[in-house]
PDB file of N, CA and C in Angstrom:
ATOM      1  N   MET A   1    -197.098 -21.508-109.252  1.00  0.00           N
ATOM      2  CA  MET A   1    -196.175 -20.817-108.656  1.00  0.00           C
ATOM      3  C   MET A   1    -196.319 -21.207-107.323  1.00  0.00           C
ATOM      4  N   LYS A   2    -197.209 -20.911-106.385  1.00  0.00           N
ATOM      5  CA  LYS A   2    -197.382 -21.468-104.939  1.00  0.00           C
ATOM      6  C   LYS A   2    -197.025 -23.000-104.988  1.00  0.00           C
ATOM      7  N   GLU A   3    -197.094 -24.029-106.255  1.00  0.00           N
ATOM      8  CA  GLU A   3    -196.887 -25.201-105.678  1.00  0.00           C
ATOM      9  C   GLU A   3    -195.088 -25.752-105.371  1.00  0.00           C
ATOM     10  N   GLY A   4    -194.283 -25.136-106.185  1.00  0.00           N
ATOM     11  CA  GLY A   4    -192.567 -24.657-105.450  1.00  0.00           C
ATOM     12  C   GLY A   4    -192.491 -24.301-103.767  1.00  0.00           C
ATOM     13  N   CYS A   5    -193.389 -23.691-103.576  1.00  0.00           N
ATOM     14  CA  CYS A   5    -193.156 -23.032-102.272  1.00  0.00           C
ATOM     15  C   CYS A   5    -193.642 -23.564-101.167  1.00  0.00           C
ATOM     16  N   ALA A   6    -192.370 -23.866-100.161  1.00  0.00           N
ATOM     17  CA  ALA A   6    -192.687 -24.503 -98.811  1.00  0.00           C
ATOM     18  C   ALA A   6    -193.983 -23.110 -98.479  1.00  0.00           C
ATOM     19  N   LEU A   7    -194.071 -22.009 -98.326  1.00  0.00           N
ATOM     20  CA  LEU A   7    -194.822 -21.903 -97.249  1.00  0.00           C
ATOM     21  C   LEU A   7    -196.738 -22.341 -98.320  1.00  0.00           C
ATOM     22  N   PHE A   8    -196.978 -22.668 -98.956  1.00  0.00           N
ATOM     23  CA  PHE A   8    -197.742 -22.950 -99.426  1.00  0.00           C
ATOM     24  C   PHE A   8    -198.138 -24.353-100.032  1.00  0.00           C
ATOM     25  N   SER A   9    -197.055 -25.518 -99.750  1.00  0.00           N
ATOM     26  CA  SER A   9    -197.351 -26.700-100.023  1.00  0.00           C
ATOM     27  C   SER A   9    -198.238 -27.637 -98.912  1.00  0.00           C
ATOM     28  N   GLY A  10    -198.067 -26.536 -98.129  1.00  0.00           N
ATOM     29  CA  GLY A  10    -198.526 -27.292 -96.462  1.00  0.00           C
ATOM     30  C   GLY A  10    -197.603 -28.804 -96.067  1.00  0.00           C
ATOM     31  N   LYS A  11    -196.461 -28.796 -96.445  1.00  0.00           N
ATOM     32  CA  LYS A  11    -195.226 -29.101 -96.082  1.00  0.00           C
ATOM     33  C   LYS A  11    -195.146 -28.818 -94.489  1.00  0.00           C
ATOM     34  N   ASP A  12    -194.011 -29.058 -94.187  1.00  0.00           N
ATOM     35  CA  ASP A  12    -193.614 -28.867 -92.934  1.00  0.00           C
ATOM     36  C   ASP A  12    -191.875 -28.191 -93.159  1.00  0.00           C
ATOM     37  N   TRP A  13    -191.635 -26.458 -92.910  1.00  0.00           N
ATOM     38  CA  TRP A  13    -190.640 -26.339 -93.061  1.00  0.00           C
ATOM     39  C   TRP A  13    -189.493 -26.139 -92.334  1.00  0.00           C
ATOM     40  N   GLU A  14    -188.070 -26.259 -92.221  1.00  0.00           N
ATOM     41  CA  GLU A  14    -187.294 -25.578 -91.242  1.00  0.00           C
ATOM     42  C   GLU A  14    -186.518 -24.681 -91.456  1.00  0.00           C
ATOM     43  N   ILE A  15    -186.805 -23.320 -90.628  1.00  0.00           N
ATOM     44  CA  ILE A  15    -185.327 -22.657 -90.623  1.00  0.00           C
ATOM     45  C   ILE A  15    -185.008 -22.156 -89.658  1.00  0.00           C
ATOM     46  N   THR A  16    -184.240 -21.740 -89.152  1.00  0.00           N
ATOM     47  CA  THR A  16    -182.869 -21.768 -88.133  1.00  0.00           C
ATOM     48  C   THR A  16    -183.087 -20.489 -87.772  1.00  0.00           C
ATOM     49  N   ILE A  17    -183.381 -20.427 -86.418  1.00  0.00           N
ATOM     50  CA  ILE A  17    -183.896 -18.884 -85.994  1.00  0.00           C
ATOM     51  C   ILE A  17    -182.925 -18.398 -84.872  1.00  0.00           C
ATOM     52  N   LYS A  18    -182.584 -17.383 -84.253  1.00  0.00           N
ATOM     53  CA  LYS A  18    -181.730 -17.349 -83.018  1.00  0.00           C
ATOM     54  C   LYS A  18    -183.299 -17.241 -82.186  1.00  0.00           C
ATOM     55  N   ASN A  19    -182.406 -18.270 -80.660  1.00  0.00           N
ATOM     56  CA  ASN A  19    -183.572 -17.994 -79.749  1.00  0.00           C
ATOM     57  C   ASN A  19    -183.616 -17.549 -78.706  1.00  0.00           C
ATOM     58  N   ASN A  20    -183.791 -16.059 -78.545  1.00  0.00           N
ATOM     59  CA  ASN A  20    -183.800 -14.946 -77.310  1.00  0.00           C
ATOM     60  C   ASN A  20    -184.961 -15.337 -76.340  1.00  0.00           C
ATOM     61  N   LEU A  21    -185.874 -16.403 -76.789  1.00  0.00           N
ATOM     62  CA  LEU A  21    -187.106 -15.778 -75.675  1.00  0.00           C
ATOM     63  C   LEU A  21    -186.316 -17.596 -74.982  1.00  0.00           C
ATOM     64  N   SER A  22    -186.139 -18.223 -74.951  1.00  0.00           N
ATOM     65  CA  SER A  22    -185.873 -19.456 -74.782  1.00  0.00           C
ATOM     66  C   SER A  22    -186.651 -20.440 -75.054  1.00  0.00           C
ATOM     67  N   ALA A  23    -186.826 -20.264 -76.485  1.00  0.00           N
ATOM     68  CA  ALA A  23    -188.364 -21.680 -76.774  1.00  0.00           C
ATOM     69  C   ALA A  23    -187.670 -23.224 -76.814  1.00  0.00           C
ATOM     70  N   GLN A  24    -189.127 -23.580 -76.683  1.00  0.00           N
ATOM     71  CA  GLN A  24    -188.368 -25.088 -76.319  1.00  0.00           C
ATOM     72  C   GLN A  24    -188.837 -25.821 -76.988  1.00  0.00           C
ATOM     73  N   ASN A  25    -188.245 -26.948 -77.644  1.00  0.00           N
ATOM     74  CA  ASN A  25    -188.826 -28.069 -78.851  1.00  0.00           C
ATOM     75  C   ASN A  25    -189.948 -28.083 -78.637  1.00  0.00           C
ATOM     76  N   GLY A  26    -191.107 -28.477 -79.225  1.00  0.00           N
ATOM     77  CA  GLY A  26    -192.386 -28.340 -79.522  1.00  0.00           C
ATOM     78  C   GLY A  26    -193.190 -26.909 -79.358  1.00  0.00           C
ATOM     79  N   ASP A  27    -192.753 -26.341 -78.593  1.00  0.00           N
ATOM     80  CA  ASP A  27    -193.340 -24.684 -78.558  1.00  0.00           C
ATOM     81  C   ASP A  27    -193.883 -24.219 -79.830  1.00  0.00           C
ATOM     82  N   LEU A  28    -195.091 -23.813 -79.832  1.00  0.00           N
ATOM     83  CA  LEU A  28    -195.511 -22.806 -81.429  1.00  0.00           C
ATOM     84  C   LEU A  28    -195.257 -21.470 -80.910  1.00  0.00           C
ATOM     85  N   VAL A  29    -194.100 -20.572 -81.664  1.00  0.00           N
ATOM     86  CA  VAL A  29    -193.646 -19.482 -82.070  1.00  0.00           C
ATOM     87  C   VAL A  29    -194.115 -18.838 -83.013  1.00  0.00           C
ATOM     88  N   ARG A  30    -194.142 -17.214 -82.938  1.00  0.00           N
ATOM     89  CA  ARG A  30    -194.435 -16.016 -83.884  1.00  0.00           C
ATOM     90  C   ARG A  30    -192.814 -15.548 -84.641  1.00  0.00           C
ATOM     91  N   ILE A  31    -193.084 -15.948 -85.789  1.00  0.00           N
ATOM     92  CA  ILE A  31    -191.397 -15.169 -85.631  1.00  0.00           C
ATOM     93  C   ILE A  31    -191.831 -13.913 -86.614  1.00  0.00           C
ATOM     94  N   GLU A  32    -190.854 -13.811 -86.989  1.00  0.00           N
ATOM     95  CA  GLU A  32    -190.818 -12.079 -87.968  1.00  0.00           C
ATOM     96  C   GLU A  32    -189.573 -11.962 -88.788  1.00  0.00           C
ATOM     97  N   LEU A  33    -189.650 -11.015 -89.136  1.00  0.00           N
ATOM     98  CA  LEU A  33    -188.691 -10.486 -90.159  1.00  0.00           C
ATOM     99  C   LEU A  33    -189.141  -9.045 -91.061  1.00  0.00           C
ATOM    100  N   SER A  34    -188.439  -8.404 -90.838  1.00  0.00           N
ATOM    101  CA  SER A  34    -189.084  -7.140 -90.873  1.00  0.00           C
ATOM    102  C   SER A  34    -189.302  -6.344 -92.229  1.00  0.00           C
ATOM    103  N   GLY A  35    -189.928  -5.889 -93.260  1.00  0.00           N
ATOM    104  CA  GLY A  35    -189.799  -5.721 -94.602  1.00  0.00           C
ATOM    105  C   GLY A  35    -188.829  -5.347 -95.255  1.00  0.00           C
ATOM    106  N   ARG A  36    -188.418  -4.071 -94.521  1.00  0.00           N
ATOM    107  CA  ARG A  36    -186.650  -3.277 -94.503  1.00  0.00           C
ATOM    108  C   ARG A  36    -185.924  -4.410 -94.618  1.00  0.00           C
ATOM    109  N   ASP A  37    -185.651  -5.325 -93.697  1.00  0.00           N
ATOM    110  CA  ASP A  37    -184.601  -5.957 -94.117  1.00  0.00           C
ATOM    111  C   ASP A  37    -184.674  -7.314 -94.727  1.00  0.00           C
ATOM    112  N   TYR A  38    -185.947  -7.620 -94.878  1.00  0.00           N
ATOM    113  CA  TYR A  38    -186.077  -8.122 -96.282  1.00  0.00           C
ATOM    114  C   TYR A  38    -185.529  -7.632 -97.471  1.00  0.00           C
ATOM    115  N   LEU A  39    -186.233  -6.821 -97.554  1.00  0.00           N
ATOM    116  CA  LEU A  39    -185.864  -5.867 -98.869  1.00  0.00           C
ATOM    117  C   LEU A  39    -184.154  -5.454 -98.813  1.00  0.00           C
ATOM    118  N   THR A  40    -183.843  -4.832 -97.640  1.00  0.00           N
ATOM    119  CA  THR A  40    -182.011  -4.489 -97.879  1.00  0.00           C
ATOM    120  C   THR A  40    -181.851  -6.297 -98.378  1.00  0.00           C
ATOM    121  N   ALA A  41    -181.710  -7.506 -97.524  1.00  0.00           N
ATOM    122  CA  ALA A  41    -180.595  -8.637 -97.651  1.00  0.00           C
ATOM    123  C   ALA A  41    -181.164  -9.122 -99.662  1.00  0.00           C
ATOM    124  N   GLY A  42    -182.451  -8.989 -99.516  1.00  0.00           N
ATOM    125  CA  GLY A  42    -183.017  -8.900-101.321  1.00  0.00           C
ATOM    126  C   GLY A  42    -182.418  -8.349-102.274  1.00  0.00           C
ATOM    127  N   ALA A  43    -181.634  -6.641-101.321  1.00  0.00           N
ATOM    128  CA  ALA A  43    -181.180  -5.425-102.006  1.00  0.00           C
ATOM    129  C   ALA A  43    -179.316  -6.272-102.616  1.00  0.00           C
ATOM    130  N   VAL A  44    -178.339  -6.939-101.813  1.00  0.00           N
ATOM    131  CA  VAL A  44    -177.851  -7.552-101.063  1.00  0.00           C
ATOM    132  C   VAL A  44    -177.178  -8.374-101.852  1.00  0.00           C
ATOM    133  N   VAL A  45    -178.549  -9.441-101.842  1.00  0.00           N
ATOM    134  CA  VAL A  45    -177.926 -11.026-102.663  1.00  0.00           C
ATOM    135  C   VAL A  45    -177.902 -10.650-104.257  1.00  0.00           C
ATOM    136  N   PHE A  46    -179.128  -9.696-104.560  1.00  0.00           N
ATOM    137  CA  PHE A  46    -179.578  -9.403-105.959  1.00  0.00           C
ATOM    138  C   PHE A  46    -178.979  -8.028-106.646  1.00  0.00           C
ATOM    139  N   ILE A  47    -178.747  -7.743-106.284  1.00  0.00           N
ATOM    140  CA  ILE A  47    -178.499  -5.741-106.965  1.00  0.00           C
ATOM    141  C   ILE A  47    -177.128  -5.932-106.710  1.00  0.00           C
ATOM    142  N   LEU A  48    -176.551  -5.783-105.663  1.00  0.00           N
ATOM    143  CA  LEU A  48    -175.082  -6.002-105.497  1.00  0.00           C
ATOM    144  C   LEU A  48    -174.572  -6.485-106.485  1.00  0.00           C
ATOM    145  N   PRO A  49    -174.229  -7.504-106.757  1.00  0.00           N
ATOM    146  CA  PRO A  49    -173.498  -8.080-108.022  1.00  0.00           C
ATOM    147  C   PRO A  49    -174.004  -7.552-109.106  1.00  0.00           C
ATOM    148  N   LEU A  50    -175.353  -7.423-109.657  1.00  0.00           N
ATOM    149  CA  LEU A  50    -175.433  -6.510-110.584  1.00  0.00           C
ATOM    150  C   LEU A  50    -174.288  -5.545-110.895  1.00  0.00           C
ATOM    151  N   LEU A  51    -174.411  -4.705-109.666  1.00  0.00           N
ATOM    152  CA  LEU A  51    -174.118  -3.733-110.324  1.00  0.00           C
ATOM    153  C   LEU A  51    -172.638  -3.626-110.138  1.00  0.00           C
ATOM    154  N   LEU A  52    -172.287  -4.399-109.156  1.00  0.00           N
ATOM    155  CA  LEU A  52    -170.893  -4.093-109.432  1.00  0.00           C
ATOM    156  C   LEU A  52    -169.817  -4.996-111.062  1.00  0.00           C
ATOM    157  N   MET A  53    -171.133  -5.831-111.685  1.00  0.00           N
ATOM    158  CA  MET A  53    -170.610  -6.584-112.701  1.00  0.00           C
ATOM    159  C   MET A  53    -170.967  -5.465-114.019  1.00  0.00           C
ATOM    160  N   THR A  54    -171.773  -4.324-113.625  1.00  0.00           N
ATOM    161  CA  THR A  54    -172.392  -3.344-114.675  1.00  0.00           C
ATOM    162  C   THR A  54    -170.819  -2.551-114.136  1.00  0.00           C
ATOM    163  N   ALA A  55    -170.869  -1.918-113.467  1.00  0.00           N
ATOM    164  CA  ALA A  55    -169.306  -1.127-113.125  1.00  0.00           C
ATOM    165  C   ALA A  55    -168.173  -1.263-113.691  1.00  0.00           C
ATOM    166  N   ALA A  56    -167.557  -2.517-113.372  1.00  0.00           N
ATOM    167  CA  ALA A  56    -167.037  -3.127-113.574  1.00  0.00           C
ATOM    168  C   ALA A  56    -166.722  -3.643-115.617  1.00  0.00           C
ATOM    169  N   TYR A  57    -167.611  -3.793-116.296  1.00  0.00           N
ATOM    170  CA  TYR A  57    -168.023  -4.145-117.484  1.00  0.00           C
ATOM    171  C   TYR A  57    -167.389  -2.248-117.775  1.00  0.00           C
ATOM    172  N   PHE A  58    -168.550  -1.290-117.886  1.00  0.00           N
ATOM    173  CA  PHE A  58    -168.070  -0.110-118.165  1.00  0.00           C
ATOM    174  C   PHE A  58    -166.320  -0.032-117.738  1.00  0.00           C
ATOM    175  N   LEU A  59    -165.805   0.092-116.942  1.00  0.00           N
ATOM    176  CA  LEU A  59    -164.670   0.334-116.213  1.00  0.00           C
ATOM    177  C   LEU A  59    -163.397  -0.240-117.166  1.00  0.00           C
ATOM    178  N   GLY A  60    -163.760  -1.739-117.726  1.00  0.00           N
ATOM    179  CA  GLY A  60    -162.980  -2.462-118.026  1.00  0.00           C
ATOM    180  C   GLY A  60    -163.118  -2.221-119.982  1.00  0.00           C
ATOM    181  N   ARG A  61    -164.442  -1.192-120.508  1.00  0.00           N
ATOM    182  CA  ARG A  61    -164.410  -0.994-121.504  1.00  0.00           C
ATOM    183  C   ARG A  61    -163.766   0.558-122.063  1.00  0.00           C
ATOM    184  N   LEU A  62    -163.822   1.408-120.365  1.00  0.00           N
ATOM    185  CA  LEU A  62    -162.878   2.397-120.533  1.00  0.00           C
ATOM    186  C   LEU A  62    -161.640   2.035-121.367  1.00  0.00           C
ATOM    187  N   PHE A  63    -160.389   1.373-120.867  1.00  0.00           N
ATOM    188  CA  PHE A  63    -159.154   1.154-121.033  1.00  0.00           C
ATOM    189  C   PHE A  63    -159.096  -0.476-121.450  1.00  0.00           C
ATOM    190  N   LEU A  64    -160.243  -1.006-122.249  1.00  0.00           N
ATOM    191  CA  LEU A  64    -159.438  -2.134-122.814  1.00  0.00           C
ATOM    192  C   LEU A  64    -160.592  -3.100-123.696  1.00  0.00           C
ATOM    193  N   ALA A  65    -160.264  -3.586-124.463  1.00  0.00           N
ATOM    194  CA  ALA A  65    -161.549  -4.146-125.390  1.00  0.00           C
ATOM    195  C   ALA A  65    -162.561  -5.135-125.210  1.00  0.00           C
ATOM    196  N   GLU A  66    -163.211  -4.953-125.791  1.00  0.00           N
ATOM    197  CA  GLU A  66    -164.502  -6.004-125.508  1.00  0.00           C
ATOM    198  C   GLU A  66    -164.847  -7.030-124.891  1.00  0.00           C
ATOM    199  N   GLY A  67    -163.463  -7.940-125.376  1.00  0.00           N
ATOM    200  CA  GLY A  67    -163.435  -9.135-124.582  1.00  0.00           C
ATOM    201  C   GLY A  67    -163.220  -9.141-123.347  1.00  0.00           C
ATOM    202  N   MET A  68    -162.126  -8.461-122.981  1.00  0.00           N
ATOM    203  CA  MET A  68    -161.660  -8.161-121.843  1.00  0.00           C
ATOM    204  C   MET A  68    -162.856  -7.272-120.395  1.00  0.00           C
ATOM    205  N   ALA A  69    -163.323  -6.717-121.517  1.00  0.00           N
ATOM    206  CA  ALA A  69    -164.591  -5.715-120.836  1.00  0.00           C
ATOM    207  C   ALA A  69    -165.378  -6.646-120.020  1.00  0.00           C
ATOM    208  N   VAL A  70    -165.791  -7.847-120.848  1.00  0.00           N
ATOM    209  CA  VAL A  70    -166.791  -8.823-120.147  1.00  0.00           C
ATOM    210  C   VAL A  70    -166.295  -9.581-119.296  1.00  0.00           C
ATOM    211  N   LEU A  71    -164.574  -9.792-119.550  1.00  0.00           N
ATOM    212  CA  LEU A  71    -164.129 -10.892-118.544  1.00  0.00           C
ATOM    213  C   LEU A  71    -164.104  -9.630-117.236  1.00  0.00           C
ATOM    214  N   PHE A  72    -163.778  -8.576-117.349  1.00  0.00           N
ATOM    215  CA  PHE A  72    -164.295  -7.551-115.729  1.00  0.00           C
ATOM    216  C   PHE A  72    -165.503  -7.723-114.983  1.00  0.00           C
ATOM    217  N   ALA A  73    -166.377  -7.756-116.341  1.00  0.00           N
ATOM    218  CA  ALA A  73    -167.916  -8.083-115.959  1.00  0.00           C
ATOM    219  C   ALA A  73    -167.910  -9.085-114.928  1.00  0.00           C
ATOM    220  N   PHE A  74    -167.373 -10.509-115.386  1.00  0.00           N
ATOM    221  CA  PHE A  74    -167.616 -11.971-114.622  1.00  0.00           C
ATOM    222  C   PHE A  74    -167.065 -11.705-113.342  1.00  0.00           C
ATOM    223  N   VAL A  75    -165.692 -11.273-113.451  1.00  0.00           N
ATOM    224  CA  VAL A  75    -164.829 -10.799-112.048  1.00  0.00           C
ATOM    225  C   VAL A  75    -165.523  -9.634-111.221  1.00  0.00           C
ATOM    226  N   GLY A  76    -166.114  -8.706-111.406  1.00  0.00           N
ATOM    227  CA  GLY A  76    -166.891  -7.693-110.791  1.00  0.00           C
ATOM    228  C   GLY A  76    -168.364  -8.653-110.460  1.00  0.00           C
ATOM    229  N   PHE A  77    -169.101  -9.345-111.056  1.00  0.00           N
ATOM    230  CA  PHE A  77    -170.221 -10.050-110.239  1.00  0.00           C
ATOM    231  C   PHE A  77    -170.096 -11.060-109.808  1.00  0.00           C
ATOM    232  N   GLY A  78    -168.207 -11.737-109.340  1.00  0.00           N
ATOM    233  CA  GLY A  78    -167.727 -12.446-108.474  1.00  0.00           C
ATOM    234  C   GLY A  78    -167.861 -11.901-106.940  1.00  0.00           C
ATOM    235  N   ILE A  79    -167.336 -10.531-107.381  1.00  0.00           N
ATOM    236  CA  ILE A  79    -167.016  -9.706-106.148  1.00  0.00           C
ATOM    237  C   ILE A  79    -168.091  -9.375-105.802  1.00  0.00           C
ATOM    238  N   GLY A  80    -169.364  -9.169-106.334  1.00  0.00           N
ATOM    239  CA  GLY A  80    -170.906  -8.511-105.840  1.00  0.00           C
ATOM    240  C   GLY A  80    -171.068 -10.125-104.873  1.00  0.00           C
ATOM    241  N   ILE A  81    -170.704 -11.487-105.581  1.00  0.00           N
ATOM    242  CA  ILE A  81    -171.323 -12.297-105.232  1.00  0.00           C
ATOM    243  C   ILE A  81    -170.443 -12.972-103.497  1.00  0.00           C
ATOM    244  N   THR A  82    -169.276 -12.675-103.096  1.00  0.00           N
ATOM    245  CA  THR A  82    -168.796 -12.900-102.528  1.00  0.00           C
ATOM    246  C   THR A  82    -168.999 -12.063-100.815  1.00  0.00           C
ATOM    247  N   PHE A  83    -169.070 -10.126-102.140  1.00  0.00           N
ATOM    248  CA  PHE A  83    -169.517  -9.240-100.696  1.00  0.00           C
ATOM    249  C   PHE A  83    -170.864  -9.788-100.303  1.00  0.00           C
ATOM    250  N   ALA A  84    -171.630 -10.478-100.966  1.00  0.00           N
ATOM    251  CA  ALA A  84    -173.341 -10.571-100.286  1.00  0.00           C
ATOM    252  C   ALA A  84    -173.086 -12.321 -99.576  1.00  0.00           C
ATOM    253  N   TYR A  85    -172.343 -12.851 -99.548  1.00  0.00           N
ATOM    254  CA  TYR A  85    -172.017 -13.851 -98.881  1.00  0.00           C
ATOM    255  C   TYR A  85    -170.954 -13.337 -97.068  1.00  0.00           C
ATOM    256  N   LEU A  86    -169.784 -12.549 -97.405  1.00  0.00           N
ATOM    257  CA  LEU A  86    -169.645 -12.135 -96.538  1.00  0.00           C
ATOM    258  C   LEU A  86    -170.536 -11.040 -95.814  1.00  0.00           C
ATOM    259  N   ILE A  87    -171.833 -10.420 -96.075  1.00  0.00           N
ATOM    260  CA  ILE A  87    -172.751  -9.521 -95.569  1.00  0.00           C
ATOM    261  C   ILE A  87    -173.315 -10.123 -94.587  1.00  0.00           C
ATOM    262  N   GLY A  88    -173.811 -11.425 -95.690  1.00  0.00           N
ATOM    263  CA  GLY A  88    -174.596 -12.694 -95.072  1.00  0.00           C
ATOM    264  C   GLY A  88    -173.745 -13.651 -93.678  1.00  0.00           C
ATOM    265  N   ARG A  89    -172.916 -13.071 -93.709  1.00  0.00           N
ATOM    266  CA  ARG A  89    -172.271 -14.015 -92.763  1.00  0.00           C
ATOM    267  C   ARG A  89    -171.592 -13.595 -91.554  1.00  0.00           C
ATOM    268  N   GLY A  90    -171.343 -11.978 -91.839  1.00  0.00           N
ATOM    269  CA  GLY A  90    -170.834 -11.103 -90.630  1.00  0.00           C
ATOM    270  C   GLY A  90    -171.414 -10.926 -89.486  1.00  0.00           C
ATOM    271  N   LYS A  91    -170.939 -10.024 -88.654  1.00  0.00           N
ATOM    272  CA  LYS A  91    -171.219  -9.157 -87.573  1.00  0.00           C
ATOM    273  C   LYS A  91    -172.606  -9.032 -87.484  1.00  0.00           C
ATOM    274  N   GLY A  92    -172.899  -8.171 -89.076  1.00  0.00           N
ATOM    275  CA  GLY A  92    -174.246  -7.423 -88.991  1.00  0.00           C
ATOM    276  C   GLY A  92    -175.645  -8.696 -89.494  1.00  0.00           C
ATOM    277  N   ALA A  93    -175.015  -9.935 -89.665  1.00  0.00           N
ATOM    278  CA  ALA A  93    -175.970 -10.725 -90.533  1.00  0.00           C
ATOM    279  C   ALA A  93    -177.077 -11.073 -89.813  1.00  0.00           C
ATOM    280  N   ASP A  94    -177.388 -11.009 -88.137  1.00  0.00           N
ATOM    281  CA  ASP A  94    -178.446 -11.035 -87.734  1.00  0.00           C
ATOM    282  C   ASP A  94    -179.706 -10.623 -87.994  1.00  0.00           C
ATOM    283  N   LYS A  95    -179.566  -8.887 -88.400  1.00  0.00           N
ATOM    284  CA  LYS A  95    -180.669  -8.402 -88.593  1.00  0.00           C
ATOM    285  C   LYS A  95    -181.120  -8.542 -90.433  1.00  0.00           C
ATOM    286  N   PHE A  96    -180.869 -10.208 -90.987  1.00  0.00           N
ATOM    287  CA  PHE A  96    -181.247 -10.341 -91.745  1.00  0.00           C
ATOM    288  C   PHE A  96    -181.997 -11.620 -91.247  1.00  0.00           C
ATOM    289  N   ARG A  97    -181.656 -11.987 -90.624  1.00  0.00           N
ATOM    290  CA  ARG A  97    -182.908 -13.747 -90.591  1.00  0.00           C
ATOM    291  C   ARG A  97    -183.914 -13.320 -89.192  1.00  0.00           C
ATOM    292  N   TYR A  98    -184.837 -14.674 -89.767  1.00  0.00           N
ATOM    293  CA  TYR A  98    -185.884 -14.882 -88.896  1.00  0.00           C
ATOM    294  C   TYR A  98    -185.040 -14.493 -87.362  1.00  0.00           C
ATOM    295  N   ARG A  99    -186.498 -13.867 -86.679  1.00  0.00           N
ATOM    296  CA  ARG A  99    -186.597 -13.986 -85.415  1.00  0.00           C
ATOM    297  C   ARG A  99    -187.935 -14.178 -84.540  1.00  0.00           C
ATOM    298  N   ILE A 100    -187.935 -14.936 -83.321  1.00  0.00           N
ATOM    299  CA  ILE A 100    -189.004 -15.214 -82.857  1.00  0.00           C
ATOM    300  C   ILE A 100    -189.420 -13.956 -81.910  1.00  0.00           C
ATOM    301  N   ILE A 101    -190.161 -13.927 -81.988  1.00  0.00           N
ATOM    302  CA  ILE A 101    -190.886 -12.661 -81.083  1.00  0.00           C
ATOM    303  C   ILE A 101    -192.183 -13.321 -80.330  1.00  0.00           C
ATOM    304  N   GLU A 102    -192.491 -14.503 -80.177  1.00  0.00           N
ATOM    305  CA  GLU A 102    -193.456 -14.142 -79.162  1.00  0.00           C
ATOM    306  C   GLU A 102    -193.567 -16.304 -79.069  1.00  0.00           C
ATOM    307  N   ILE A 103    -193.771 -16.399 -77.677  1.00  0.00           N
ATOM    308  CA  ILE A 103    -194.228 -17.801 -77.669  1.00  0.00           C
ATOM    309  C   ILE A 103    -195.304 -18.098 -77.317  1.00  0.00           C
ATOM    310  N   LEU A 104    -196.068 -18.652 -78.232  1.00  0.00           N
ATOM    311  CA  LEU A 104    -197.684 -18.965 -78.104  1.00  0.00           C
ATOM    312  C   LEU A 104    -197.995 -19.636 -77.300  1.00  0.00           C
ATOM    313  N   PRO A 105    -199.279 -19.385 -76.305  1.00  0.00           N
ATOM    314  CA  PRO A 105    -199.957 -21.069 -75.839  1.00  0.00           C
ATOM    315  C   PRO A 105    -200.380 -21.903 -76.170  1.00  0.00           C
ATOM    316  N   LYS A 106    -200.326 -23.123 -75.766  1.00  0.00           N
ATOM    317  CA  LYS A 106    -200.456 -24.861 -76.618  1.00  0.00           C
ATOM    318  C   LYS A 106    -201.653 -24.712 -77.156  1.00  0.00           C
ATOM    319  N   GLU A 107    -202.549 -24.495 -76.511  1.00  0.00           N
ATOM    320  CA  GLU A 107    -203.701 -24.243 -77.571  1.00  0.00           C
ATOM    321  C   GLU A 107    -204.451 -23.606 -78.950  1.00  0.00           C
ATOM    322  N   SER A 108    -203.062 -22.692 -79.019  1.00  0.00           N
ATOM    323  CA  SER A 108    -203.346 -21.853 -79.857  1.00  0.00           C
ATOM    324  C   SER A 108    -203.548 -22.363 -81.434  1.00  0.00           C
ATOM    325  N   ASP A 109    -204.124 -21.833 -82.297  1.00  0.00           N
ATOM    326  CA  ASP A 109    -203.795 -21.886 -83.632  1.00  0.00           C
ATOM    327  C   ASP A 109    -202.720 -20.978 -84.436  1.00  0.00           C
ATOM    328  N   ALA A 110    -201.414 -22.062 -85.062  1.00  0.00           N
ATOM    329  CA  ALA A 110    -200.733 -21.207 -85.543  1.00  0.00           C
ATOM    330  C   ALA A 110    -200.623 -20.752 -86.278  1.00  0.00           C
ATOM    331  N   ARG A 111    -202.085 -20.846 -87.535  1.00  0.00           N
ATOM    332  CA  ARG A 111    -202.026 -20.020 -88.126  1.00  0.00           C
ATOM    333  C   ARG A 111    -203.184 -18.798 -88.611  1.00  0.00           C
ATOM    334  N   GLU A 112    -203.289 -18.502 -87.116  1.00  0.00           N
ATOM    335  CA  GLU A 112    -203.847 -16.620 -87.005  1.00  0.00           C
ATOM    336  C   GLU A 112    -202.480 -15.703 -87.655  1.00  0.00           C
ATOM    337  N   ASN A 113    -203.507 -15.351 -87.878  1.00  0.00           N
ATOM    338  CA  ASN A 113    -202.509 -13.895 -88.118  1.00  0.00           C
ATOM    339  C   ASN A 113    -202.524 -14.423 -90.065  1.00  0.00           C
TER     340      ASN A 113
END
């Protein structure tokens, strides 16, 4: 499992981070994403579409035939994906992004902690 992950591959990887500390190109920085925000983002991306899909299916099942209920489920899933996208791009989306919390001294080893 680790072989497919950029964190464990030993290769450089790139992410977009808001630079509130005026870090310069080449600076070593410490970044963070709080565990709570990480879990919230995961719930929005993965759980919200599934909940809306399930709710839309049962709502469709109450009033329509099985085939239409399945169609409603796909529509609900699409709405959930759209909500997740809009939440990730909206005004509050910065809380779901990594942030620079410290600029490290040049001689510091970035692999500490």
